[in-house]
PDB file of N, CA and C in Angstrom:
ATOM      1  N   MET A   1      14.990-109.330  19.178  1.00  0.00           N
ATOM      2  CA  MET A   1      16.439-107.478  19.672  1.00  0.00           C
ATOM      3  C   MET A   1      17.861-107.720  19.648  1.00  0.00           C
ATOM      4  N   LYS A   2      17.313-108.740  20.188  1.00  0.00           N
ATOM      5  CA  LYS A   2      18.819-109.040  21.827  1.00  0.00           C
ATOM      6  C   LYS A   2      19.993-108.954  20.366  1.00  0.00           C
ATOM      7  N   LYS A   3      19.364-109.770  19.372  1.00  0.00           N
ATOM      8  CA  LYS A   3      20.416-109.786  18.560  1.00  0.00           C
ATOM      9  C   LYS A   3      21.324-109.245  17.751  1.00  0.00           C
ATOM     10  N   ASN A   4      19.908-108.907  17.362  1.00  0.00           N
ATOM     11  CA  ASN A   4      19.813-107.010  16.241  1.00  0.00           C
ATOM     12  C   ASN A   4      20.728-105.623  17.115  1.00  0.00           C
ATOM     13  N   MET A   5      20.855-106.161  18.457  1.00  0.00           N
ATOM     14  CA  MET A   5      21.438-105.499  19.492  1.00  0.00           C
ATOM     15  C   MET A   5      22.577-105.625  18.836  1.00  0.00           C
ATOM     16  N   ILE A   6      23.225-106.345  19.216  1.00  0.00           N
ATOM     17  CA  ILE A   6      24.886-107.856  19.295  1.00  0.00           C
ATOM     18  C   ILE A   6      24.874-107.416  17.922  1.00  0.00           C
ATOM     19  N   SER A   7      24.590-107.472  17.017  1.00  0.00           N
ATOM     20  CA  SER A   7      25.148-107.168  15.783  1.00  0.00           C
ATOM     21  C   SER A   7      25.272-106.007  15.201  1.00  0.00           C
ATOM     22  N   ARG A   8      24.726-104.809  16.063  1.00  0.00           N
ATOM     23  CA  ARG A   8      25.091-103.443  15.461  1.00  0.00           C
ATOM     24  C   ARG A   8      26.022-103.196  16.266  1.00  0.00           C
ATOM     25  N   LEU A   9      26.406-103.187  17.942  1.00  0.00           N
ATOM     26  CA  LEU A   9      27.272-103.334  18.757  1.00  0.00           C
ATOM     27  C   LEU A   9      28.911-103.907  18.263  1.00  0.00           C
ATOM     28  N   ASN A  10      28.588-104.822  17.727  1.00  0.00           N
ATOM     29  CA  ASN A  10      29.771-106.260  16.997  1.00  0.00           C
ATOM     30  C   ASN A  10      30.378-104.986  16.026  1.00  0.00           C
ATOM     31  N   ARG A  11      29.811-104.155  15.666  1.00  0.00           N
ATOM     32  CA  ARG A  11      29.961-103.035  13.766  1.00  0.00           C
ATOM     33  C   ARG A  11      30.753-102.193  14.718  1.00  0.00           C
ATOM     34  N   ILE A  12      30.052-101.298  15.497  1.00  0.00           N
ATOM     35  CA  ILE A  12      30.293-100.054  15.815  1.00  0.00           C
ATOM     36  C   ILE A  12      31.865-100.263  16.324  1.00  0.00           C
ATOM     37  N   GLU A  13      31.898-101.531  17.153  1.00  0.00           N
ATOM     38  CA  GLU A  13      33.589-101.913  17.650  1.00  0.00           C
ATOM     39  C   GLU A  13      34.541-102.036  16.358  1.00  0.00           C
ATOM     40  N   GLY A  14      34.370-102.702  15.401  1.00  0.00           N
ATOM     41  CA  GLY A  14      35.376-103.104  14.158  1.00  0.00           C
ATOM     42  C   GLY A  14      35.079-101.329  13.917  1.00  0.00           C
ATOM     43  N   GLN A  15      33.978-100.569  13.726  1.00  0.00           N
ATOM     44  CA  GLN A  15      34.265 -98.649  13.190  1.00  0.00           C
ATOM     45  C   GLN A  15      35.445 -98.590  14.432  1.00  0.00           C
ATOM     46  N   ILE A  16      35.378 -98.696  15.435  1.00  0.00           N
ATOM     47  CA  ILE A  16      36.186 -98.028  16.510  1.00  0.00           C
ATOM     48  C   ILE A  16      37.773 -98.845  16.595  1.00  0.00           C
ATOM     49  N   ARG A  17      37.898-100.038  16.132  1.00  0.00           N
ATOM     50  CA  ARG A  17      39.328-100.181  15.800  1.00  0.00           C
ATOM     51  C   ARG A  17      39.519 -99.786  14.597  1.00  0.00           C
ATOM     52  N   GLY A  18      38.629 -99.290  13.534  1.00  0.00           N
ATOM     53  CA  GLY A  18      39.089 -98.791  12.378  1.00  0.00           C
ATOM     54  C   GLY A  18      39.584 -97.825  12.390  1.00  0.00           C
ATOM     55  N   VAL A  19      38.687 -96.329  13.170  1.00  0.00           N
ATOM     56  CA  VAL A  19      39.096 -95.493  13.583  1.00  0.00           C
ATOM     57  C   VAL A  19      40.887 -95.874  14.539  1.00  0.00           C
ATOM     58  N   LYS A  20      40.702 -96.384  15.387  1.00  0.00           N
ATOM     59  CA  LYS A  20      42.186 -96.605  15.688  1.00  0.00           C
ATOM     60  C   LYS A  20      43.790 -97.038  14.484  1.00  0.00           C
ATOM     61  N   GLY A  21      43.410 -97.509  13.939  1.00  0.00           N
ATOM     62  CA  GLY A  21      44.198 -97.648  12.577  1.00  0.00           C
ATOM     63  C   GLY A  21      44.610 -96.539  12.132  1.00  0.00           C
ATOM     64  N   MET A  22      43.363 -95.748  11.742  1.00  0.00           N
ATOM     65  CA  MET A  22      43.246 -94.828  10.330  1.00  0.00           C
ATOM     66  C   MET A  22      44.178 -93.436  11.351  1.00  0.00           C
ATOM     67  N   ILE A  23      44.195 -93.064  12.904  1.00  0.00           N
ATOM     68  CA  ILE A  23      45.232 -92.481  13.612  1.00  0.00           C
ATOM     69  C   ILE A  23      46.233 -93.350  13.438  1.00  0.00           C
ATOM     70  N   GLU A  24      46.125 -94.382  13.900  1.00  0.00           N
ATOM     71  CA  GLU A  24      47.190 -95.199  14.037  1.00  0.00           C
ATOM     72  C   GLU A  24      48.800 -94.913  12.577  1.00  0.00           C
ATOM     73  N   ARG A  25      47.887 -94.447  11.675  1.00  0.00           N
ATOM     74  CA  ARG A  25      48.870 -94.774   9.961  1.00  0.00           C
ATOM     75  C   ARG A  25      48.304 -93.014   9.595  1.00  0.00           C
ATOM     76  N   ASP A  26      48.281 -92.179  10.875  1.00  0.00           N
ATOM     77  CA  ASP A  26      47.874 -91.087  10.448  1.00  0.00           C
ATOM     78  C   ASP A  26      47.054 -90.615   9.135  1.00  0.00           C
ATOM     79  N   THR A  27      46.125 -90.886   9.174  1.00  0.00           N
ATOM     80  CA  THR A  27      45.231 -90.752   7.952  1.00  0.00           C
ATOM     81  C   THR A  27      45.137 -89.618   8.328  1.00  0.00           C
ATOM     82  N   TYR A  28      44.449 -88.897   6.711  1.00  0.00           N
ATOM     83  CA  TYR A  28      43.804 -87.268   6.979  1.00  0.00           C
ATOM     84  C   TYR A  28      42.434 -87.597   7.901  1.00  0.00           C
ATOM     85  N   CYS A  29      42.535 -85.834   8.512  1.00  0.00           N
ATOM     86  CA  CYS A  29      42.077 -85.985   9.645  1.00  0.00           C
ATOM     87  C   CYS A  29      40.176 -86.536   9.339  1.00  0.00           C
ATOM     88  N   ASP A  30      39.772 -85.578   8.297  1.00  0.00           N
ATOM     89  CA  ASP A  30      38.808 -85.001   7.402  1.00  0.00           C
ATOM     90  C   ASP A  30      37.953 -86.781   7.685  1.00  0.00           C
ATOM     91  N   ASP A  31      38.622 -86.938   7.279  1.00  0.00           N
ATOM     92  CA  ASP A  31      38.551 -88.730   7.031  1.00  0.00           C
ATOM     93  C   ASP A  31      38.103 -89.731   7.861  1.00  0.00           C
ATOM     94  N   VAL A  32      38.753 -88.899   9.312  1.00  0.00           N
ATOM     95  CA  VAL A  32      39.066 -89.694  10.934  1.00  0.00           C
ATOM     96  C   VAL A  32      37.266 -89.390  11.183  1.00  0.00           C
ATOM     97  N   LEU A  33      37.330 -87.908  10.358  1.00  0.00           N
ATOM     98  CA  LEU A  33      36.284 -87.134  11.846  1.00  0.00           C
ATOM     99  C   LEU A  33      34.661 -88.128  10.483  1.00  0.00           C
ATOM    100  N   ASN A  34      35.231 -88.273   9.771  1.00  0.00           N
ATOM    101  CA  ASN A  34      33.668 -88.224   9.083  1.00  0.00           C
ATOM    102  C   ASN A  34      33.160 -89.991   9.711  1.00  0.00           C
ATOM    103  N   GLN A  35      34.656 -90.858   9.379  1.00  0.00           N
ATOM    104  CA  GLN A  35      33.943 -91.895  10.553  1.00  0.00           C
ATOM    105  C   GLN A  35      33.874 -91.805  11.724  1.00  0.00           C
ATOM    106  N   VAL A  36      34.329 -91.363  12.535  1.00  0.00           N
ATOM    107  CA  VAL A  36      33.589 -90.728  13.876  1.00  0.00           C
ATOM    108  C   VAL A  36      32.190 -90.603  14.171  1.00  0.00           C
ATOM    109  N   ALA A  37      32.433 -89.562  12.756  1.00  0.00           N
ATOM    110  CA  ALA A  37      30.784 -89.213  12.656  1.00  0.00           C
ATOM    111  C   ALA A  37      29.588 -90.396  12.702  1.00  0.00           C
ATOM    112  N   ALA A  38      29.778 -90.926  11.833  1.00  0.00           N
ATOM    113  CA  ALA A  38      28.859 -92.218  11.474  1.00  0.00           C
ATOM    114  C   ALA A  38      29.408 -93.645  12.577  1.00  0.00           C
ATOM    115  N   ILE A  39      29.844 -93.338  13.186  1.00  0.00           N
ATOM    116  CA  ILE A  39      29.923 -94.069  14.900  1.00  0.00           C
ATOM    117  C   ILE A  39      29.143 -93.800  15.939  1.00  0.00           C
ATOM    118  N   GLN A  40      29.089 -92.358  15.686  1.00  0.00           N
ATOM    119  CA  GLN A  40      27.968 -91.423  16.887  1.00  0.00           C
ATOM    120  C   GLN A  40      27.070 -92.287  15.755  1.00  0.00           C
ATOM    121  N   ALA A  41      26.233 -91.366  14.659  1.00  0.00           N
ATOM    122  CA  ALA A  41      25.453 -92.127  14.503  1.00  0.00           C
ATOM    123  C   ALA A  41      24.085 -93.354  14.799  1.00  0.00           C
ATOM    124  N   ALA A  42      25.629 -94.606  14.166  1.00  0.00           N
ATOM    125  CA  ALA A  42      25.438 -95.696  15.112  1.00  0.00           C
ATOM    126  C   ALA A  42      24.885 -95.715  16.410  1.00  0.00           C
ATOM    127  N   LEU A  43      25.962 -95.384  17.064  1.00  0.00           N
ATOM    128  CA  LEU A  43      25.195 -95.489  18.941  1.00  0.00           C
ATOM    129  C   LEU A  43      24.013 -94.386  18.943  1.00  0.00           C
ATOM    130  N   ASN A  44      23.842 -93.443  18.741  1.00  0.00           N
ATOM    131  CA  ASN A  44      22.711 -92.405  18.448  1.00  0.00           C
ATOM    132  C   ASN A  44      21.492 -93.676  17.934  1.00  0.00           C
ATOM    133  N   SER A  45      21.366 -94.702  17.075  1.00  0.00           N
ATOM    134  CA  SER A  45      20.578 -95.568  16.475  1.00  0.00           C
ATOM    135  C   SER A  45      20.190 -96.796  17.263  1.00  0.00           C
ATOM    136  N   VAL A  46      21.442 -96.964  18.186  1.00  0.00           N
ATOM    137  CA  VAL A  46      21.223 -98.775  19.482  1.00  0.00           C
ATOM    138  C   VAL A  46      20.923 -97.450  19.950  1.00  0.00           C
ATOM    139  N   GLY A  47      20.973 -96.802  20.936  1.00  0.00           N
ATOM    140  CA  GLY A  47      20.355 -95.662  22.010  1.00  0.00           C
ATOM    141  C   GLY A  47      18.791 -95.778  21.466  1.00  0.00           C
ATOM    142  N   THR A  48      18.270 -95.690  20.165  1.00  0.00           N
ATOM    143  CA  THR A  48      16.964 -95.155  20.020  1.00  0.00           C
ATOM    144  C   THR A  48      16.426 -96.547  20.225  1.00  0.00           C
ATOM    145  N   LEU A  49      16.538 -97.586  19.680  1.00  0.00           N
ATOM    146  CA  LEU A  49      16.059 -99.109  19.497  1.00  0.00           C
ATOM    147  C   LEU A  49      16.276 -99.254  21.109  1.00  0.00           C
ATOM    148  N   LEU A  50      17.309 -98.861  22.274  1.00  0.00           N
ATOM    149  CA  LEU A  50      17.273 -99.508  23.635  1.00  0.00           C
ATOM    150  C   LEU A  50      15.817 -99.058  24.414  1.00  0.00           C
ATOM    151  N   LEU A  51      16.070 -97.772  24.325  1.00  0.00           N
ATOM    152  CA  LEU A  51      14.578 -96.298  24.365  1.00  0.00           C
ATOM    153  C   LEU A  51      13.838 -97.324  24.524  1.00  0.00           C
ATOM    154  N   GLU A  52      13.634 -97.636  22.556  1.00  0.00           N
ATOM    155  CA  GLU A  52      12.268 -97.719  22.862  1.00  0.00           C
ATOM    156  C   GLU A  52      11.891 -98.749  23.701  1.00  0.00           C
ATOM    157  N   GLY A  53      12.432-100.129  22.947  1.00  0.00           N
ATOM    158  CA  GLY A  53      12.185-101.916  23.979  1.00  0.00           C
ATOM    159  C   GLY A  53      11.633-101.391  25.580  1.00  0.00           C
ATOM    160  N   HIS A  54      12.266-100.482  26.123  1.00  0.00           N
ATOM    161  CA  HIS A  54      12.894 -99.545  27.519  1.00  0.00           C
ATOM    162  C   HIS A  54      11.551 -98.504  27.563  1.00  0.00           C
ATOM    163  N   MET A  55      11.040 -98.057  27.012  1.00  0.00           N
ATOM    164  CA  MET A  55       9.243 -97.611  27.255  1.00  0.00           C
ATOM    165  C   MET A  55       7.860 -98.100  27.564  1.00  0.00           C
ATOM    166  N   ARG A  56       8.704 -99.348  26.464  1.00  0.00           N
ATOM    167  CA  ARG A  56       7.704-100.779  26.114  1.00  0.00           C
ATOM    168  C   ARG A  56       7.563-101.985  26.748  1.00  0.00           C
ATOM    169  N   SER A  57       8.843-101.852  27.737  1.00  0.00           N
ATOM    170  CA  SER A  57       8.737-102.728  28.229  1.00  0.00           C
ATOM    171  C   SER A  57       9.067-102.136  29.965  1.00  0.00           C
ATOM    172  N   CYS A  58       9.496-101.840  30.515  1.00  0.00           N
ATOM    173  CA  CYS A  58      10.303-101.108  31.647  1.00  0.00           C
ATOM    174  C   CYS A  58       9.184-100.665  31.821  1.00  0.00           C
ATOM    175  N   VAL A  59       9.630 -99.001  31.407  1.00  0.00           N
ATOM    176  CA  VAL A  59       8.377 -98.484  32.081  1.00  0.00           C
ATOM    177  C   VAL A  59       7.062 -98.561  31.904  1.00  0.00           C
ATOM    178  N   MET A  60       6.280 -99.450  31.159  1.00  0.00           N
ATOM    179  CA  MET A  60       5.210 -99.564  30.904  1.00  0.00           C
ATOM    180  C   MET A  60       4.724-100.648  32.304  1.00  0.00           C
ATOM    181  N   GLU A  61       5.692-101.349  32.264  1.00  0.00           N
ATOM    182  CA  GLU A  61       5.138-102.560  33.563  1.00  0.00           C
ATOM    183  C   GLU A  61       5.175-101.308  35.281  1.00  0.00           C
ATOM    184  N   ARG A  62       6.261-100.231  35.374  1.00  0.00           N
ATOM    185  CA  ARG A  62       6.034 -99.991  36.188  1.00  0.00           C
ATOM    186  C   ARG A  62       5.526 -98.976  36.112  1.00  0.00           C
ATOM    187  N   ILE A  63       4.099 -98.283  35.205  1.00  0.00           N
ATOM    188  CA  ILE A  63       3.747 -97.399  35.313  1.00  0.00           C
ATOM    189  C   ILE A  63       2.624 -97.551  35.644  1.00  0.00           C
ATOM    190  N   GLN A  64       1.975 -99.202  35.374  1.00  0.00           N
ATOM    191  CA  GLN A  64       0.844-100.370  35.263  1.00  0.00           C
ATOM    192  C   GLN A  64       0.382-100.451  36.833  1.00  0.00           C
ATOM    193  N   ALA A  65       2.136-100.885  37.506  1.00  0.00           N
ATOM    194  CA  ALA A  65       1.965-101.002  39.187  1.00  0.00           C
ATOM    195  C   ALA A  65       1.894-100.139  40.001  1.00  0.00           C
ATOM    196  N   GLY A  66       1.653 -98.524  39.392  1.00  0.00           N
ATOM    197  CA  GLY A  66       1.697 -97.797  40.611  1.00  0.00           C
ATOM    198  C   GLY A  66       2.728 -96.482  40.139  1.00  0.00           C
ATOM    199  N   ASP A  67       3.863 -96.752  39.975  1.00  0.00           N
ATOM    200  CA  ASP A  67       5.688 -96.340  40.966  1.00  0.00           C
ATOM    201  C   ASP A  67       5.340 -94.827  38.727  1.00  0.00           C
ATOM    202  N   ASP A  68       5.077 -93.870  39.546  1.00  0.00           N
ATOM    203  CA  ASP A  68       5.148 -93.070  38.388  1.00  0.00           C
ATOM    204  C   ASP A  68       6.287 -91.484  38.865  1.00  0.00           C
ATOM    205  N   ALA A  69       6.584 -92.735  39.443  1.00  0.00           N
ATOM    206  CA  ALA A  69       8.800 -92.306  40.109  1.00  0.00           C
ATOM    207  C   ALA A  69       9.254 -92.701  38.251  1.00  0.00           C
ATOM    208  N   VAL A  70       9.076 -93.699  37.828  1.00  0.00           N
ATOM    209  CA  VAL A  70       9.246 -94.349  36.104  1.00  0.00           C
ATOM    210  C   VAL A  70       9.926 -93.290  35.267  1.00  0.00           C
ATOM    211  N   VAL A  71       9.003 -91.984  35.339  1.00  0.00           N
ATOM    212  CA  VAL A  71       8.610 -90.721  34.514  1.00  0.00           C
ATOM    213  C   VAL A  71       9.483 -90.355  34.913  1.00  0.00           C
ATOM    214  N   ASP A  72      10.236 -89.786  35.943  1.00  0.00           N
ATOM    215  CA  ASP A  72      11.033 -88.467  36.142  1.00  0.00           C
ATOM    216  C   ASP A  72      12.521 -89.915  35.522  1.00  0.00           C
ATOM    217  N   GLU A  73      12.746 -91.172  35.813  1.00  0.00           N
ATOM    218  CA  GLU A  73      13.330 -91.197  35.535  1.00  0.00           C
ATOM    219  C   GLU A  73      13.884 -91.574  34.177  1.00  0.00           C
ATOM    220  N   LEU A  74      12.285 -91.422  33.256  1.00  0.00           N
ATOM    221  CA  LEU A  74      13.348 -92.075  32.161  1.00  0.00           C
ATOM    222  C   LEU A  74      12.984 -90.670  31.435  1.00  0.00           C
ATOM    223  N   LEU A  75      13.052 -89.069  32.289  1.00  0.00           N
ATOM    224  CA  LEU A  75      13.000 -87.584  31.517  1.00  0.00           C
ATOM    225  C   LEU A  75      14.383 -87.654  31.737  1.00  0.00           C
ATOM    226  N   ALA A  76      15.277 -88.125  32.760  1.00  0.00           N
ATOM    227  CA  ALA A  76      16.495 -87.473  33.105  1.00  0.00           C
ATOM    228  C   ALA A  76      17.143 -88.685  32.197  1.00  0.00           C
ATOM    229  N   THR A  77      17.424 -89.843  31.544  1.00  0.00           N
ATOM    230  CA  THR A  77      17.907 -90.551  30.999  1.00  0.00           C
ATOM    231  C   THR A  77      17.485 -90.260  29.105  1.00  0.00           C
ATOM    232  N   MET A  78      16.462 -89.447  28.528  1.00  0.00           N
ATOM    233  CA  MET A  78      16.618 -89.106  28.001  1.00  0.00           C
ATOM    234  C   MET A  78      17.533 -87.934  27.579  1.00  0.00           C
ATOM    235  N   LYS A  79      17.351 -87.064  28.081  1.00  0.00           N
ATOM    236  CA  LYS A  79      18.541 -85.493  28.625  1.00  0.00           C
ATOM    237  C   LYS A  79      19.332 -86.678  27.799  1.00  0.00           C
ATOM    238  N   LYS A  80      20.146 -87.716  28.912  1.00  0.00           N
ATOM    239  CA  LYS A  80      21.283 -87.555  28.862  1.00  0.00           C
ATOM    240  C   LYS A  80      21.427 -88.535  27.338  1.00  0.00           C
ATOM    241  N   LEU A  81      20.044 -89.387  26.480  1.00  0.00           N
ATOM    242  CA  LEU A  81      20.856 -89.460  24.910  1.00  0.00           C
ATOM    243  C   LEU A  81      21.320 -88.613  24.171  1.00  0.00           C
ATOM    244  N   MET A  82      20.122 -86.895  24.586  1.00  0.00           N
ATOM    245  CA  MET A  82      19.955 -85.647  24.243  1.00  0.00           C
ATOM    246  C   MET A  82      21.285 -84.730  23.949  1.00  0.00           C
ATOM    247  N   LYS A  83      22.297 -85.015  24.457  1.00  0.00           N
ATOM    248  CA  LYS A  83      23.641 -84.756  24.518  1.00  0.00           C
ATOM    249  C   LYS A  83      23.871 -84.489  23.817  1.00  0.00           C
TER     250      LYS A  83
END
């Protein structure tokens, strides 16, 4: 999973550099906005994968250890991701 995340983040990093170049070249705004939307979708995908992994490991471990406060922490994190 870690290798997959790093690969995705490397692609996102390249997309961001591409958008920077588009702006420097005064590319048509709609084309830049489409690339920004693609970057946002890619980041959302990474966030979803991270959240899933977090829930399956860290959250489960803390609940099994009797730490119910992790649920409030998880809900706060999910609210941030959904903005």
